[in-house]
Amino acid sequence: MIIGLAYDLLRAEEKFLIDAARRLGHTIKPIFILRRIDWLNDTSSEEYRDIGF
């Protein structure tokens, strides 16, 4: 349960950063490269491709 909660919090933060980048016109792309979380074996790469990664 704690792992699930941590996962949900990480996804919420990731989604917030993606939305912020869209609003700012992709001026903060390096943040996403550094903050990308692949160790959860997530499908977030789809979202990264959508915003130009």
C-alpha atoms as a PDB file:
ATOM      1  CA  MET A   1       0.000   0.000   0.000  1.00  0.00           C
ATOM      2  CA  ILE A   2       2.815   2.425   0.831  1.00  0.00           C
ATOM      3  CA  ILE A   3       4.550   1.583  -2.440  1.00  0.00           C
ATOM      4  CA  GLY A   4       1.290   2.225  -4.298  1.00  0.00           C
ATOM      5  CA  LEU A   5       0.907   5.599  -2.613  1.00  0.00           C
ATOM      6  CA  ALA A   6       4.481   6.587  -3.448  1.00  0.00           C
ATOM      7  CA  TYR A   7       3.895   5.529  -7.060  1.00  0.00           C
ATOM      8  CA  ASP A   8       0.723   7.652  -7.249  1.00  0.00           C
ATOM      9  CA  LEU A   9       2.563  10.683  -5.859  1.00  0.00           C
ATOM     10  CA  LEU A  10       5.388  10.296  -8.385  1.00  0.00           C
ATOM     11  CA  ARG A  11       2.918  10.027 -11.256  1.00  0.00           C
ATOM     12  CA  ALA A  12       1.052  13.138 -10.075  1.00  0.00           C
ATOM     13  CA  GLU A  13       4.309  15.122  -9.937  1.00  0.00           C
ATOM     14  CA  GLU A  14       5.351  13.847 -13.367  1.00  0.00           C
ATOM     15  CA  LYS A  15       1.970  14.809 -14.844  1.00  0.00           C
ATOM     16  CA  PHE A  16       2.229  18.292 -13.311  1.00  0.00           C
ATOM     17  CA  LEU A  17       5.667  18.825 -14.869  1.00  0.00           C
ATOM     18  CA  ILE A  18       4.462  17.619 -18.272  1.00  0.00           C
ATOM     19  CA  ASP A  19       1.499  20.015 -18.146  1.00  0.00           C
ATOM     20  CA  ALA A  20       3.787  22.873 -17.076  1.00  0.00           C
ATOM     21  CA  ALA A  21       6.107  22.204 -20.017  1.00  0.00           C
ATOM     22  CA  ARG A  22       3.187  22.296 -22.429  1.00  0.00           C
ATOM     23  CA  ARG A  23       2.081  25.669 -21.034  1.00  0.00           C
ATOM     24  CA  LEU A  24       5.590  27.114 -21.210  1.00  0.00           C
ATOM     25  CA  GLY A  25       6.092  26.064 -24.798  1.00  0.00           C
ATOM     26  CA  HIS A  26       8.639  23.308 -24.155  1.00  0.00           C
ATOM     27  CA  THR A  27      11.267  25.647 -22.737  1.00  0.00           C
ATOM     28  CA  ILE A  28      12.124  23.306 -19.854  1.00  0.00           C
ATOM     29  CA  LYS A  29      12.799  20.046 -21.692  1.00  0.00           C
ATOM     30  CA  PRO A  30      16.072  19.265 -19.854  1.00  0.00           C
ATOM     31  CA  ILE A  31      14.138  18.960 -16.575  1.00  0.00           C
ATOM     32  CA  PHE A  32      12.130  16.114 -18.056  1.00  0.00           C
ATOM     33  CA  ILE A  33      15.218  14.321 -19.293  1.00  0.00           C
ATOM     34  CA  LEU A  34      16.743  14.494 -15.807  1.00  0.00           C
ATOM     35  CA  ARG A  35      13.545  13.648 -13.944  1.00  0.00           C
ATOM     36  CA  ARG A  36      12.308  10.826 -16.122  1.00  0.00           C
ATOM     37  CA  ILE A  37      11.497   7.787 -13.988  1.00  0.00           C
ATOM     38  CA  ASP A  38      11.909   4.531 -15.883  1.00  0.00           C
ATOM     39  CA  TRP A  39      12.539   2.228 -12.935  1.00  0.00           C
ATOM     40  CA  LEU A  40       8.797   1.883 -12.316  1.00  0.00           C
ATOM     41  CA  ASN A  41       8.486   0.183 -15.716  1.00  0.00           C
ATOM     42  CA  ASP A  42       5.780   2.668 -16.567  1.00  0.00           C
ATOM     43  CA  THR A  43       4.174   3.726 -19.844  1.00  0.00           C
ATOM     44  CA  SER A  44       5.166   7.354 -19.247  1.00  0.00           C
ATOM     45  CA  SER A  45       7.382   7.247 -22.342  1.00  0.00           C
ATOM     46  CA  GLU A  46       4.189   7.680 -24.372  1.00  0.00           C
ATOM     47  CA  GLU A  47       3.584  11.034 -22.670  1.00  0.00           C
ATOM     48  CA  TYR A  48       7.189  12.116 -23.241  1.00  0.00           C
ATOM     49  CA  ARG A  49       6.882  11.351 -26.955  1.00  0.00           C
ATOM     50  CA  ASP A  50       3.687  13.429 -27.094  1.00  0.00           C
ATOM     51  CA  ILE A  51       5.542  16.563 -25.970  1.00  0.00           C
ATOM     52  CA  GLY A  52       8.515  16.131 -28.269  1.00  0.00           C
ATOM     53  CA  PHE A  53      10.918  13.703 -26.635  1.00  0.00           C
END
